[in-house]
Amino acid sequence: MTFGHRTYSGLIQVEIQTIGTLHPGALELIGDGLYFDLGSKFRNPHHDPAMRYRTGLDPEVREHVLTTDGVMHMVERIAESARGVLAGYADSRHQLVRVTIACRGGRHRSVAVAEAVAEYLRAGGVGVDDVIHRHIELPVVENQK
């Protein structure tokens, strides 16, 4: 799924990170900005043994997540929330919105959604830095009840 491409001013206006809330110290990474927890929402690719050890950067996992009912609405909601905060800044040269997107393990849902949010914002002319995936390389959390 793509959202097209439009150029922007070159300023980074949005920073996006993903976290897995089941990892020690994850909640301390939230800081200021917008926070969205997908942990109890949407189907979890972790429960499919074929996807468990893959990530939201893999095309099959990304498709699984983004075609889940309600996910694209959530992508738009997160992106428009960031745009709304940006619109509230008086000086467009000094604006930065930090967005944290979480799921249980930080490997599947949050990763796919965060990358889609970044694409959505970039297509709308918003400067977005590379998404930082804080827990994507950590071992899979086996018990995600």
C-alpha atoms as a PDB file:
ATOM      1  CA  MET A   1       0.000   0.000   0.000  1.00  0.00           C
ATOM      2  CA  THR A   2       1.394   3.347  -0.946  1.00  0.00           C
ATOM      3  CA  PHE A   3       0.219   6.874  -0.392  1.00  0.00           C
ATOM      4  CA  GLY A   4       2.111   8.601  -3.196  1.00  0.00           C
ATOM      5  CA  HIS A   5       4.869  11.151  -2.716  1.00  0.00           C
ATOM      6  CA  ARG A   6       4.946  14.885  -2.292  1.00  0.00           C
ATOM      7  CA  THR A   7       7.964  17.003  -1.445  1.00  0.00           C
ATOM      8  CA  TYR A   8       8.229  18.867   1.827  1.00  0.00           C
ATOM      9  CA  SER A   9      10.303  21.749   3.147  1.00  0.00           C
ATOM     10  CA  GLY A  10      13.193  19.524   4.242  1.00  0.00           C
ATOM     11  CA  LEU A  11      12.479  20.088   7.929  1.00  0.00           C
ATOM     12  CA  ILE A  12      11.858  17.065  10.091  1.00  0.00           C
ATOM     13  CA  GLN A  13       8.487  17.737  11.671  1.00  0.00           C
ATOM     14  CA  VAL A  14       7.559  14.305  13.028  1.00  0.00           C
ATOM     15  CA  GLU A  15       9.606  11.631  14.778  1.00  0.00           C
ATOM     16  CA  ILE A  16       7.999   8.201  15.117  1.00  0.00           C
ATOM     17  CA  GLN A  17       9.170   5.362  17.329  1.00  0.00           C
ATOM     18  CA  THR A  18       7.749   1.928  18.066  1.00  0.00           C
ATOM     19  CA  ILE A  19       7.992   0.006  21.301  1.00  0.00           C
ATOM     20  CA  GLY A  20       6.936  -3.346  22.701  1.00  0.00           C
ATOM     21  CA  THR A  21       5.220  -2.803  26.045  1.00  0.00           C
ATOM     22  CA  LEU A  22       6.173  -6.265  27.337  1.00  0.00           C
ATOM     23  CA  HIS A  23       9.901  -5.416  27.238  1.00  0.00           C
ATOM     24  CA  PRO A  24      11.478  -4.098  30.446  1.00  0.00           C
ATOM     25  CA  GLY A  25      11.799  -0.317  30.457  1.00  0.00           C
ATOM     26  CA  ALA A  26       9.592   0.155  27.391  1.00  0.00           C
ATOM     27  CA  LEU A  27       7.166   2.557  29.000  1.00  0.00           C
ATOM     28  CA  GLU A  28      10.038   4.826  30.052  1.00  0.00           C
ATOM     29  CA  LEU A  29      10.731   5.427  26.334  1.00  0.00           C
ATOM     30  CA  ILE A  30       7.407   7.168  25.755  1.00  0.00           C
ATOM     31  CA  GLY A  31       8.382  10.696  26.800  1.00  0.00           C
ATOM     32  CA  ASP A  32       6.508  13.688  25.443  1.00  0.00           C
ATOM     33  CA  GLY A  33       4.270  13.613  22.400  1.00  0.00           C
ATOM     34  CA  LEU A  34       1.485  11.377  21.157  1.00  0.00           C
ATOM     35  CA  TYR A  35       1.109   7.777  22.314  1.00  0.00           C
ATOM     36  CA  PHE A  36      -0.953   5.034  20.675  1.00  0.00           C
ATOM     37  CA  ASP A  37      -1.083   1.504  22.111  1.00  0.00           C
ATOM     38  CA  LEU A  38      -2.236  -1.167  19.650  1.00  0.00           C
ATOM     39  CA  GLY A  39      -1.639  -3.981  22.137  1.00  0.00           C
ATOM     40  CA  SER A  40      -5.279  -4.832  22.714  1.00  0.00           C
ATOM     41  CA  LYS A  41      -6.452  -3.832  19.250  1.00  0.00           C
ATOM     42  CA  PHE A  42      -6.392  -5.754  15.996  1.00  0.00           C
ATOM     43  CA  ARG A  43      -5.243  -9.281  15.309  1.00  0.00           C
ATOM     44  CA  ASN A  44      -1.710 -10.128  16.367  1.00  0.00           C
ATOM     45  CA  PRO A  45       0.600 -11.798  13.809  1.00  0.00           C
ATOM     46  CA  HIS A  46       2.517 -13.212  16.779  1.00  0.00           C
ATOM     47  CA  HIS A  47      -0.193 -15.856  17.155  1.00  0.00           C
ATOM     48  CA  ASP A  48       0.552 -17.218  13.662  1.00  0.00           C
ATOM     49  CA  PRO A  49       3.662 -19.452  13.888  1.00  0.00           C
ATOM     50  CA  ALA A  50       4.573 -18.551  10.291  1.00  0.00           C
ATOM     51  CA  MET A  51       4.809 -14.849  11.250  1.00  0.00           C
ATOM     52  CA  ARG A  52       5.923 -14.963  14.888  1.00  0.00           C
ATOM     53  CA  TYR A  53       9.652 -14.508  14.229  1.00  0.00           C
ATOM     54  CA  ARG A  54       9.216 -12.042  11.379  1.00  0.00           C
ATOM     55  CA  THR A  55       8.551  -8.319  11.666  1.00  0.00           C
ATOM     56  CA  GLY A  56       6.208  -5.650  10.376  1.00  0.00           C
ATOM     57  CA  LEU A  57       8.886  -4.749   7.836  1.00  0.00           C
ATOM     58  CA  ASP A  58       8.320  -8.077   6.061  1.00  0.00           C
ATOM     59  CA  PRO A  59       5.810  -7.640   3.208  1.00  0.00           C
ATOM     60  CA  GLU A  60       3.632 -10.571   4.311  1.00  0.00           C
ATOM     61  CA  VAL A  61       3.393  -9.355   7.907  1.00  0.00           C
ATOM     62  CA  ARG A  62       2.829  -5.773   6.786  1.00  0.00           C
ATOM     63  CA  GLU A  63      -0.026  -6.877   4.532  1.00  0.00           C
ATOM     64  CA  HIS A  64      -1.516  -9.026   7.325  1.00  0.00           C
ATOM     65  CA  VAL A  65      -1.517  -6.046   9.689  1.00  0.00           C
ATOM     66  CA  LEU A  66      -2.614  -3.322   7.270  1.00  0.00           C
ATOM     67  CA  THR A  67      -5.511  -5.362   5.830  1.00  0.00           C
ATOM     68  CA  THR A  68      -6.973  -6.007   9.284  1.00  0.00           C
ATOM     69  CA  ASP A  69     -10.328  -4.250   9.712  1.00  0.00           C
ATOM     70  CA  GLY A  70      -9.841  -0.817  11.252  1.00  0.00           C
ATOM     71  CA  VAL A  71      -6.066  -0.594  10.900  1.00  0.00           C
ATOM     72  CA  MET A  72      -5.998   1.885   8.013  1.00  0.00           C
ATOM     73  CA  HIS A  73      -8.477   4.052   9.906  1.00  0.00           C
ATOM     74  CA  MET A  74      -6.034   3.968  12.844  1.00  0.00           C
ATOM     75  CA  VAL A  75      -3.143   4.900  10.516  1.00  0.00           C
ATOM     76  CA  GLU A  76      -5.094   7.936   9.330  1.00  0.00           C
ATOM     77  CA  ARG A  77      -6.126   8.829  12.887  1.00  0.00           C
ATOM     78  CA  ILE A  78      -2.522   8.768  14.130  1.00  0.00           C
ATOM     79  CA  ALA A  79      -1.246  10.764  11.150  1.00  0.00           C
ATOM     80  CA  GLU A  80      -3.996  13.357  11.415  1.00  0.00           C
ATOM     81  CA  SER A  81      -3.395  13.682  15.166  1.00  0.00           C
ATOM     82  CA  ALA A  82       0.250  14.519  14.430  1.00  0.00           C
ATOM     83  CA  ARG A  83      -0.814  16.994  11.748  1.00  0.00           C
ATOM     84  CA  GLY A  84      -3.226  18.581  14.221  1.00  0.00           C
ATOM     85  CA  VAL A  85      -0.450  19.139  16.755  1.00  0.00           C
ATOM     86  CA  LEU A  86       1.772  20.597  14.022  1.00  0.00           C
ATOM     87  CA  ALA A  87      -0.985  23.014  13.038  1.00  0.00           C
ATOM     88  CA  GLY A  88      -1.048  24.339  16.604  1.00  0.00           C
ATOM     89  CA  TYR A  89       2.532  25.624  16.482  1.00  0.00           C
ATOM     90  CA  ALA A  90       2.821  29.391  15.966  1.00  0.00           C
ATOM     91  CA  ASP A  91       6.259  29.198  14.302  1.00  0.00           C
ATOM     92  CA  SER A  92       6.518  26.549  11.592  1.00  0.00           C
ATOM     93  CA  ARG A  93      10.339  26.602  11.829  1.00  0.00           C
ATOM     94  CA  HIS A  94      10.274  25.331  15.422  1.00  0.00           C
ATOM     95  CA  GLN A  95       7.898  22.436  15.372  1.00  0.00           C
ATOM     96  CA  LEU A  96       8.467  18.789  16.147  1.00  0.00           C
ATOM     97  CA  VAL A  97       5.925  16.158  17.100  1.00  0.00           C
ATOM     98  CA  ARG A  98       7.026  12.883  18.635  1.00  0.00           C
ATOM     99  CA  VAL A  99       4.772   9.872  18.114  1.00  0.00           C
ATOM    100  CA  THR A 100       5.130   6.552  19.926  1.00  0.00           C
ATOM    101  CA  ILE A 101       3.227   3.533  18.625  1.00  0.00           C
ATOM    102  CA  ALA A 102       3.197   0.449  20.823  1.00  0.00           C
ATOM    103  CA  CYS A 103       2.112  -3.159  20.700  1.00  0.00           C
ATOM    104  CA  ARG A 104       2.969  -6.094  22.951  1.00  0.00           C
ATOM    105  CA  GLY A 105       6.304  -7.197  21.477  1.00  0.00           C
ATOM    106  CA  GLY A 106       7.175  -4.233  19.269  1.00  0.00           C
ATOM    107  CA  ARG A 107       7.768  -6.376  16.190  1.00  0.00           C
ATOM    108  CA  HIS A 108       4.556  -6.655  14.172  1.00  0.00           C
ATOM    109  CA  ARG A 109       1.561  -4.319  14.540  1.00  0.00           C
ATOM    110  CA  SER A 110       3.368  -1.231  15.814  1.00  0.00           C
ATOM    111  CA  VAL A 111       6.081  -1.551  13.168  1.00  0.00           C
ATOM    112  CA  ALA A 112       3.712  -1.949  10.201  1.00  0.00           C
ATOM    113  CA  VAL A 113       1.405   0.825  11.428  1.00  0.00           C
ATOM    114  CA  ALA A 114       4.272   3.231  12.169  1.00  0.00           C
ATOM    115  CA  GLU A 115       5.758   2.769   8.710  1.00  0.00           C
ATOM    116  CA  ALA A 116       2.325   3.356   7.146  1.00  0.00           C
ATOM    117  CA  VAL A 117       1.831   6.513   9.255  1.00  0.00           C
ATOM    118  CA  ALA A 118       5.218   7.798   8.088  1.00  0.00           C
ATOM    119  CA  GLU A 119       4.285   7.153   4.441  1.00  0.00           C
ATOM    120  CA  TYR A 120       0.902   8.857   4.903  1.00  0.00           C
ATOM    121  CA  LEU A 121       2.496  11.947   6.433  1.00  0.00           C
ATOM    122  CA  ARG A 122       5.249  12.155   3.820  1.00  0.00           C
ATOM    123  CA  ALA A 123       2.644  11.911   1.057  1.00  0.00           C
ATOM    124  CA  GLY A 124       0.920  14.907   2.662  1.00  0.00           C
ATOM    125  CA  GLY A 125       4.094  16.969   2.593  1.00  0.00           C
ATOM    126  CA  VAL A 126       5.104  16.481   6.236  1.00  0.00           C
ATOM    127  CA  GLY A 127       8.780  15.898   6.999  1.00  0.00           C
ATOM    128  CA  VAL A 128       9.163  12.578   8.806  1.00  0.00           C
ATOM    129  CA  ASP A 129      12.435  11.166  10.047  1.00  0.00           C
ATOM    130  CA  ASP A 130      13.171   7.452   9.652  1.00  0.00           C
ATOM    131  CA  VAL A 131      10.994   5.437  12.024  1.00  0.00           C
ATOM    132  CA  ILE A 132      12.902   4.122  15.036  1.00  0.00           C
ATOM    133  CA  HIS A 133      11.901   0.586  16.034  1.00  0.00           C
ATOM    134  CA  ARG A 134      13.158   0.227  19.613  1.00  0.00           C
ATOM    135  CA  HIS A 135      12.399  -3.473  20.145  1.00  0.00           C
ATOM    136  CA  ILE A 136      12.310  -5.019  16.680  1.00  0.00           C
ATOM    137  CA  GLU A 137      15.670  -6.766  17.178  1.00  0.00           C
ATOM    138  CA  LEU A 138      14.981  -8.091  20.689  1.00  0.00           C
ATOM    139  CA  PRO A 139      14.001 -11.723  21.195  1.00  0.00           C
ATOM    140  CA  VAL A 140      10.355 -12.519  20.576  1.00  0.00           C
ATOM    141  CA  VAL A 141       8.214 -12.334  23.694  1.00  0.00           C
ATOM    142  CA  GLU A 142       6.809 -15.860  23.705  1.00  0.00           C
ATOM    143  CA  ASN A 143       3.961 -15.381  26.193  1.00  0.00           C
ATOM    144  CA  GLN A 144       1.798 -12.542  24.872  1.00  0.00           C
ATOM    145  CA  LYS A 145      -1.488 -13.245  26.650  1.00  0.00           C
END
